[in-house]
PDB file of N, CA and C in Angstrom:
ATOM      1  N   MET A   1      16.091  -8.796   8.406  1.00  0.00           N
ATOM      2  CA  MET A   1      14.838  -8.266   8.877  1.00  0.00           C
ATOM      3  C   MET A   1      15.092  -6.866   9.459  1.00  0.00           C
ATOM      4  N   ILE A   2      14.282  -5.929   9.063  1.00  0.00           N
ATOM      5  CA  ILE A   2      14.367  -4.573   9.595  1.00  0.00           C
ATOM      6  C   ILE A   2      13.234  -4.391  10.598  1.00  0.00           C
ATOM      7  N   LYS A   3      13.565  -3.764  11.717  1.00  0.00           N
ATOM      8  CA  LYS A   3      12.573  -3.524  12.766  1.00  0.00           C
ATOM      9  C   LYS A   3      12.468  -2.038  13.060  1.00  0.00           C
ATOM     10  N   TYR A   4      11.240  -1.619  13.382  1.00  0.00           N
ATOM     11  CA  TYR A   4      11.021  -0.251  13.837  1.00  0.00           C
ATOM     12  C   TYR A   4      11.602  -0.114  15.242  1.00  0.00           C
ATOM     13  N   PRO A   5      11.766   1.112  15.730  1.00  0.00           N
ATOM     14  CA  PRO A   5      12.306   1.300  17.075  1.00  0.00           C
ATOM     15  C   PRO A   5      11.555   0.537  18.177  1.00  0.00           C
ATOM     16  N   ASP A   6      10.261   0.256  17.978  1.00  0.00           N
ATOM     17  CA  ASP A   6       9.501  -0.489  18.998  1.00  0.00           C
ATOM     18  C   ASP A   6       9.690  -2.004  18.907  1.00  0.00           C
ATOM     19  N   GLY A   7      10.466  -2.464  17.910  1.00  0.00           N
ATOM     20  CA  GLY A   7      10.746  -3.891  17.762  1.00  0.00           C
ATOM     21  C   GLY A   7       9.865  -4.609  16.756  1.00  0.00           C
ATOM     22  N   THR A   8       8.858  -3.953  16.211  1.00  0.00           N
ATOM     23  CA  THR A   8       7.965  -4.555  15.216  1.00  0.00           C
ATOM     24  C   THR A   8       8.698  -4.700  13.887  1.00  0.00           C
ATOM     25  N   GLU A   9       8.562  -5.858  13.264  1.00  0.00           N
ATOM     26  CA  GLU A   9       9.190  -6.084  11.959  1.00  0.00           C
ATOM     27  C   GLU A   9       8.538  -5.204  10.895  1.00  0.00           C
ATOM     28  N   ALA A  10       9.337  -4.543  10.075  1.00  0.00           N
ATOM     29  CA  ALA A  10       8.840  -3.690   8.998  1.00  0.00           C
ATOM     30  C   ALA A  10       8.398  -4.543   7.817  1.00  0.00           C
ATOM     31  N   ARG A  11       7.223  -4.205   7.264  1.00  0.00           N
ATOM     32  CA  ARG A  11       6.683  -4.919   6.102  1.00  0.00           C
ATOM     33  C   ARG A  11       6.092  -3.928   5.112  1.00  0.00           C
ATOM     34  N   VAL A  12       6.085  -4.316   3.849  1.00  0.00           N
ATOM     35  CA  VAL A  12       5.457  -3.508   2.810  1.00  0.00           C
ATOM     36  C   VAL A  12       3.980  -3.337   3.167  1.00  0.00           C
ATOM     37  N   GLY A  13       3.491  -2.111   3.026  1.00  0.00           N
ATOM     38  CA  GLY A  13       2.091  -1.807   3.318  1.00  0.00           C
ATOM     39  C   GLY A  13       1.867  -1.233   4.709  1.00  0.00           C
ATOM     40  N   ASP A  14       2.887  -1.277   5.560  1.00  0.00           N
ATOM     41  CA  ASP A  14       2.750  -0.721   6.909  1.00  0.00           C
ATOM     42  C   ASP A  14       2.487   0.777   6.840  1.00  0.00           C
ATOM     43  N   ARG A  15       1.611   1.241   7.701  1.00  0.00           N
ATOM     44  CA  ARG A  15       1.400   2.680   7.878  1.00  0.00           C
ATOM     45  C   ARG A  15       2.317   3.130   8.998  1.00  0.00           C
ATOM     46  N   VAL A  16       3.023   4.240   8.768  1.00  0.00           N
ATOM     47  CA  VAL A  16       3.977   4.741   9.751  1.00  0.00           C
ATOM     48  C   VAL A  16       3.773   6.235   9.979  1.00  0.00           C
ATOM     49  N   SER A  17       4.228   6.680  11.138  1.00  0.00           N
ATOM     50  CA  SER A  17       4.266   8.094  11.482  1.00  0.00           C
ATOM     51  C   SER A  17       5.700   8.560  11.275  1.00  0.00           C
ATOM     52  N   LEU A  18       5.852   9.760  10.734  1.00  0.00           N
ATOM     53  CA  LEU A  18       7.174  10.297  10.437  1.00  0.00           C
ATOM     54  C   LEU A  18       7.395  11.632  11.142  1.00  0.00           C
ATOM     55  N   SER A  19       8.630  11.906  11.493  1.00  0.00           N
ATOM     56  CA  SER A  19       9.037  13.217  12.003  1.00  0.00           C
ATOM     57  C   SER A  19       8.155  13.736  13.133  1.00  0.00           C
ATOM     58  N   HIS A  20       8.112  12.982  14.221  1.00  0.00           N
ATOM     59  CA  HIS A  20       7.345  13.398  15.410  1.00  0.00           C
ATOM     60  C   HIS A  20       5.868  13.611  15.085  1.00  0.00           C
ATOM     61  N   ASP A  21       5.294  12.737  14.293  1.00  0.00           N
ATOM     62  CA  ASP A  21       3.881  12.789  13.889  1.00  0.00           C
ATOM     63  C   ASP A  21       3.542  13.962  12.969  1.00  0.00           C
ATOM     64  N   ALA A  22       4.549  14.611  12.384  1.00  0.00           N
ATOM     65  CA  ALA A  22       4.296  15.719  11.460  1.00  0.00           C
ATOM     66  C   ALA A  22       3.813  15.219  10.102  1.00  0.00           C
ATOM     67  N   ASP A  23       4.066  13.959   9.799  1.00  0.00           N
ATOM     68  CA  ASP A  23       3.695  13.379   8.509  1.00  0.00           C
ATOM     69  C   ASP A  23       3.402  11.897   8.728  1.00  0.00           C
ATOM     70  N   SER A  24       2.761  11.294   7.763  1.00  0.00           N
ATOM     71  CA  SER A  24       2.529   9.847   7.816  1.00  0.00           C
ATOM     72  C   SER A  24       2.814   9.290   6.438  1.00  0.00           C
ATOM     73  N   GLY A  25       3.041   7.986   6.383  1.00  0.00           N
ATOM     74  CA  GLY A  25       3.356   7.372   5.104  1.00  0.00           C
ATOM     75  C   GLY A  25       3.093   5.893   5.114  1.00  0.00           C
ATOM     76  N   VAL A  26       3.399   5.276   3.969  1.00  0.00           N
ATOM     77  CA  VAL A  26       3.224   3.843   3.778  1.00  0.00           C
ATOM     78  C   VAL A  26       4.539   3.264   3.274  1.00  0.00           C
ATOM     79  N   VAL A  27       4.964   2.164   3.853  1.00  0.00           N
ATOM     80  CA  VAL A  27       6.177   1.481   3.426  1.00  0.00           C
ATOM     81  C   VAL A  27       5.905   0.824   2.071  1.00  0.00           C
ATOM     82  N   THR A  28       6.709   1.176   1.068  1.00  0.00           N
ATOM     83  CA  THR A  28       6.528   0.596  -0.266  1.00  0.00           C
ATOM     84  C   THR A  28       7.572  -0.462  -0.592  1.00  0.00           C
ATOM     85  N   LYS A  29       8.732  -0.390   0.056  1.00  0.00           N
ATOM     86  CA  LYS A  29       9.796  -1.386  -0.137  1.00  0.00           C
ATOM     87  C   LYS A  29      10.553  -1.564   1.165  1.00  0.00           C
ATOM     88  N   VAL A  30      10.974  -2.801   1.408  1.00  0.00           N
ATOM     89  CA  VAL A  30      11.837  -3.114   2.535  1.00  0.00           C
ATOM     90  C   VAL A  30      13.123  -3.688   1.952  1.00  0.00           C
ATOM     91  N   PHE A  31      14.223  -2.967   2.119  1.00  0.00           N
ATOM     92  CA  PHE A  31      15.529  -3.415   1.636  1.00  0.00           C
ATOM     93  C   PHE A  31      16.280  -3.995   2.827  1.00  0.00           C
ATOM     94  N   ASP A  32      16.045  -5.278   3.101  1.00  0.00           N
ATOM     95  CA  ASP A  32      16.627  -5.905   4.294  1.00  0.00           C
ATOM     96  C   ASP A  32      17.931  -6.643   4.010  1.00  0.00           C
ATOM     97  N   SER A  33      18.441  -6.490   2.801  1.00  0.00           N
ATOM     98  CA  SER A  33      19.758  -7.034   2.459  1.00  0.00           C
ATOM     99  C   SER A  33      20.431  -6.076   1.482  1.00  0.00           C
ATOM    100  N   LEU A  34      21.755  -6.110   1.472  1.00  0.00           N
ATOM    101  CA  LEU A  34      22.478  -5.240   0.538  1.00  0.00           C
ATOM    102  C   LEU A  34      22.161  -5.599  -0.906  1.00  0.00           C
ATOM    103  N   GLU A  35      21.916  -6.879  -1.175  1.00  0.00           N
ATOM    104  CA  GLU A  35      21.595  -7.302  -2.537  1.00  0.00           C
ATOM    105  C   GLU A  35      20.308  -6.624  -3.014  1.00  0.00           C
ATOM    106  N   LYS A  36      19.288  -6.575  -2.154  1.00  0.00           N
ATOM    107  CA  LYS A  36      18.029  -5.918  -2.519  1.00  0.00           C
ATOM    108  C   LYS A  36      18.248  -4.420  -2.702  1.00  0.00           C
ATOM    109  N   ALA A  37      19.014  -3.817  -1.802  1.00  0.00           N
ATOM    110  CA  ALA A  37      19.270  -2.374  -1.872  1.00  0.00           C
ATOM    111  C   ALA A  37      20.005  -2.024  -3.161  1.00  0.00           C
ATOM    112  N   GLU A  38      20.956  -2.833  -3.554  1.00  0.00           N
ATOM    113  CA  GLU A  38      21.745  -2.549  -4.752  1.00  0.00           C
ATOM    114  C   GLU A  38      20.911  -2.555  -6.026  1.00  0.00           C
ATOM    115  N   THR A  39      19.779  -3.264  -6.039  1.00  0.00           N
ATOM    116  CA  THR A  39      18.913  -3.258  -7.225  1.00  0.00           C
ATOM    117  C   THR A  39      18.323  -1.867  -7.460  1.00  0.00           C
ATOM    118  N   TRP A  40      18.334  -1.018  -6.438  1.00  0.00           N
ATOM    119  CA  TRP A  40      17.857   0.365  -6.543  1.00  0.00           C
ATOM    120  C   TRP A  40      19.030   1.343  -6.436  1.00  0.00           C
ATOM    121  N   ASN A  41      20.246   0.837  -6.624  1.00  0.00           N
ATOM    122  CA  ASN A  41      21.467   1.643  -6.521  1.00  0.00           C
ATOM    123  C   ASN A  41      21.638   2.283  -5.144  1.00  0.00           C
ATOM    124  N   LEU A  42      21.226   1.576  -4.120  1.00  0.00           N
ATOM    125  CA  LEU A  42      21.408   2.013  -2.737  1.00  0.00           C
ATOM    126  C   LEU A  42      22.571   1.236  -2.140  1.00  0.00           C
ATOM    127  N   ASP A  43      23.278   1.854  -1.215  1.00  0.00           N
ATOM    128  CA  ASP A  43      24.434   1.171  -0.631  1.00  0.00           C
ATOM    129  C   ASP A  43      24.230   0.755   0.822  1.00  0.00           C
ATOM    130  N   GLU A  44      22.973   0.763   1.281  1.00  0.00           N
ATOM    131  CA  GLU A  44      22.681   0.290   2.623  1.00  0.00           C
ATOM    132  C   GLU A  44      21.228  -0.146   2.719  1.00  0.00           C
ATOM    133  N   THR A  45      20.928  -0.885   3.770  1.00  0.00           N
ATOM    134  CA  THR A  45      19.572  -1.382   3.985  1.00  0.00           C
ATOM    135  C   THR A  45      18.683  -0.265   4.525  1.00  0.00           C
ATOM    136  N   GLY A  46      17.369  -0.440   4.367  1.00  0.00           N
ATOM    137  CA  GLY A  46      16.435   0.565   4.868  1.00  0.00           C
ATOM    138  C   GLY A  46      15.045   0.390   4.295  1.00  0.00           C
ATOM    139  N   LEU A  47      14.243   1.440   4.442  1.00  0.00           N
ATOM    140  CA  LEU A  47      12.851   1.420   4.011  1.00  0.00           C
ATOM    141  C   LEU A  47      12.589   2.514   2.989  1.00  0.00           C
ATOM    142  N   MET A  48      11.778   2.213   1.987  1.00  0.00           N
ATOM    143  CA  MET A  48      11.274   3.214   1.063  1.00  0.00           C
ATOM    144  C   MET A  48       9.857   3.517   1.541  1.00  0.00           C
ATOM    145  N   ILE A  49       9.612   4.791   1.842  1.00  0.00           N
ATOM    146  CA  ILE A  49       8.319   5.193   2.389  1.00  0.00           C
ATOM    147  C   ILE A  49       7.745   6.298   1.514  1.00  0.00           C
ATOM    148  N   GLU A  50       6.456   6.171   1.186  1.00  0.00           N
ATOM    149  CA  GLU A  50       5.777   7.203   0.404  1.00  0.00           C
ATOM    150  C   GLU A  50       4.860   7.991   1.317  1.00  0.00           C
ATOM    151  N   SER A  51       5.001   9.313   1.268  1.00  0.00           N
ATOM    152  CA  SER A  51       4.128  10.189   2.049  1.00  0.00           C
ATOM    153  C   SER A  51       3.689  11.357   1.175  1.00  0.00           C
ATOM    154  N   VAL A  52       2.641  12.033   1.595  1.00  0.00           N
ATOM    155  CA  VAL A  52       2.148  13.186   0.848  1.00  0.00           C
ATOM    156  C   VAL A  52       3.183  14.309   0.877  1.00  0.00           C
ATOM    157  N   ALA A  53       3.787  14.553   2.030  1.00  0.00           N
ATOM    158  CA  ALA A  53       4.707  15.684   2.188  1.00  0.00           C
ATOM    159  C   ALA A  53       6.026  15.511   1.443  1.00  0.00           C
ATOM    160  N   THR A  54       6.579  14.294   1.443  1.00  0.00           N
ATOM    161  CA  THR A  54       7.913  14.114   0.864  1.00  0.00           C
ATOM    162  C   THR A  54       7.954  13.205  -0.351  1.00  0.00           C
ATOM    163  N   GLY A  55       6.837  12.620  -0.728  1.00  0.00           N
ATOM    164  CA  GLY A  55       6.836  11.695  -1.852  1.00  0.00           C
ATOM    165  C   GLY A  55       7.540  10.406  -1.469  1.00  0.00           C
ATOM    166  N   LEU A  56       8.207   9.784  -2.415  1.00  0.00           N
ATOM    167  CA  LEU A  56       8.908   8.525  -2.197  1.00  0.00           C
ATOM    168  C   LEU A  56      10.303   8.830  -1.660  1.00  0.00           C
ATOM    169  N   THR A  57      10.576   8.389  -0.424  1.00  0.00           N
ATOM    170  CA  THR A  57      11.833   8.718   0.253  1.00  0.00           C
ATOM    171  C   THR A  57      12.453   7.471   0.850  1.00  0.00           C
ATOM    172  N   PHE A  58      13.781   7.338   0.688  1.00  0.00           N
ATOM    173  CA  PHE A  58      14.510   6.224   1.288  1.00  0.00           C
ATOM    174  C   PHE A  58      15.008   6.634   2.665  1.00  0.00           C
ATOM    175  N   TYR A  59      14.740   5.779   3.663  1.00  0.00           N
ATOM    176  CA  TYR A  59      15.211   5.982   5.030  1.00  0.00           C
ATOM    177  C   TYR A  59      16.164   4.839   5.374  1.00  0.00           C
ATOM    178  N   PRO A  60      17.462   5.129   5.523  1.00  0.00           N
ATOM    179  CA  PRO A  60      18.402   4.073   5.899  1.00  0.00           C
ATOM    180  C   PRO A  60      18.008   3.453   7.242  1.00  0.00           C
ATOM    181  N   GLU A  61      18.268   2.173   7.383  1.00  0.00           N
ATOM    182  CA  GLU A  61      17.921   1.464   8.619  1.00  0.00           C
ATOM    183  C   GLU A  61      18.526   2.152   9.848  1.00  0.00           C
ATOM    184  N   ARG A  62      19.739   2.652   9.716  1.00  0.00           N
ATOM    185  CA  ARG A  62      20.416   3.287  10.846  1.00  0.00           C
ATOM    186  C   ARG A  62      19.741   4.580  11.299  1.00  0.00           C
ATOM    187  N   SER A  63      18.850   5.141  10.478  1.00  0.00           N
ATOM    188  CA  SER A  63      18.210   6.416  10.804  1.00  0.00           C
ATOM    189  C   SER A  63      16.789   6.286  11.343  1.00  0.00           C
ATOM    190  N   LEU A  64      16.288   5.083  11.494  1.00  0.00           N
ATOM    191  CA  LEU A  64      14.890   4.930  11.896  1.00  0.00           C
ATOM    192  C   LEU A  64      14.581   5.602  13.230  1.00  0.00           C
ATOM    193  N   ASP A  65      15.500   5.555  14.181  1.00  0.00           N
ATOM    194  CA  ASP A  65      15.297   6.233  15.463  1.00  0.00           C
ATOM    195  C   ASP A  65      15.346   7.750  15.308  1.00  0.00           C
ATOM    196  N   GLU A  66      16.392   8.243  14.676  1.00  0.00           N
ATOM    197  CA  GLU A  66      16.577   9.693  14.591  1.00  0.00           C
ATOM    198  C   GLU A  66      15.553  10.369  13.693  1.00  0.00           C
ATOM    199  N   ASP A  67      14.998   9.660  12.711  1.00  0.00           N
ATOM    200  CA  ASP A  67      13.972  10.225  11.838  1.00  0.00           C
ATOM    201  C   ASP A  67      12.569  10.043  12.412  1.00  0.00           C
ATOM    202  N   GLU A  68      12.495   9.485  13.616  1.00  0.00           N
ATOM    203  CA  GLU A  68      11.208   9.308  14.296  1.00  0.00           C
ATOM    204  C   GLU A  68      10.193   8.553  13.439  1.00  0.00           C
ATOM    205  N   ILE A  69      10.593   7.392  12.948  1.00  0.00           N
ATOM    206  CA  ILE A  69       9.675   6.556  12.183  1.00  0.00           C
ATOM    207  C   ILE A  69       9.029   5.578  13.154  1.00  0.00           C
ATOM    208  N   ARG A  70       7.703   5.699  13.280  1.00  0.00           N
ATOM    209  CA  ARG A  70       6.966   4.910  14.261  1.00  0.00           C
ATOM    210  C   ARG A  70       5.906   4.075  13.554  1.00  0.00           C
ATOM    211  N   PHE A  71       5.882   2.792  13.864  1.00  0.00           N
ATOM    212  CA  PHE A  71       4.866   1.892  13.313  1.00  0.00           C
ATOM    213  C   PHE A  71       3.498   2.311  13.841  1.00  0.00           C
ATOM    214  N   VAL A  72       2.507   2.398  12.922  1.00  0.00           N
ATOM    215  CA  VAL A  72       1.153   2.760  13.304  1.00  0.00           C
ATOM    216  C   VAL A  72       0.190   1.597  13.131  1.00  0.00           C
ATOM    217  N   SER A  73       0.172   1.003  11.928  1.00  0.00           N
ATOM    218  CA  SER A  73      -0.781  -0.099  11.701  1.00  0.00           C
ATOM    219  C   SER A  73      -0.347  -0.930  10.496  1.00  0.00           C
ATOM    220  N   ARG A  74      -0.973  -2.092  10.421  1.00  0.00           N
ATOM    221  CA  ARG A  74      -0.694  -3.033   9.335  1.00  0.00           C
ATOM    222  C   ARG A  74      -2.022  -3.619   8.882  1.00  0.00           C
ATOM    223  N   VAL A  75      -2.197  -3.684   7.567  1.00  0.00           N
ATOM    224  CA  VAL A  75      -3.375  -4.350   7.021  1.00  0.00           C
ATOM    225  C   VAL A  75      -3.094  -5.841   7.043  1.00  0.00           C
ATOM    226  N   VAL A  76      -3.975  -6.588   7.667  1.00  0.00           N
ATOM    227  CA  VAL A  76      -3.809  -8.036   7.770  1.00  0.00           C
ATOM    228  C   VAL A  76      -4.707  -8.686   6.737  1.00  0.00           C
ATOM    229  N   ALA A  77      -4.095  -9.454   5.838  1.00  0.00           N
ATOM    230  CA  ALA A  77      -4.878 -10.173   4.817  1.00  0.00           C
ATOM    231  C   ALA A  77      -5.700 -11.265   5.477  1.00  0.00           C
ATOM    232  N   SER A  78      -6.918 -11.426   5.025  1.00  0.00           N
ATOM    233  CA  SER A  78      -7.777 -12.463   5.622  1.00  0.00           C
ATOM    234  C   SER A  78      -7.924 -13.654   4.712  1.00  0.00           C
TER     235      SER A  78
END
């Protein structure tokens, strides 16, 4: 399980703030195991986030604090 710096579990579809609120994006993939990451030729766990400014970008789990990725909202299925 990957968690944002505030402790909220990361899920596909989450809206997040990036880079000190300079950009926003949506989580498109959660790579919470090395096996999942390797299917995309990644060598560590993390989040794939799509934003207007950077397109589809992989953020390693270890960088969530330093890249200022902040959970904003989640669509709850009814």
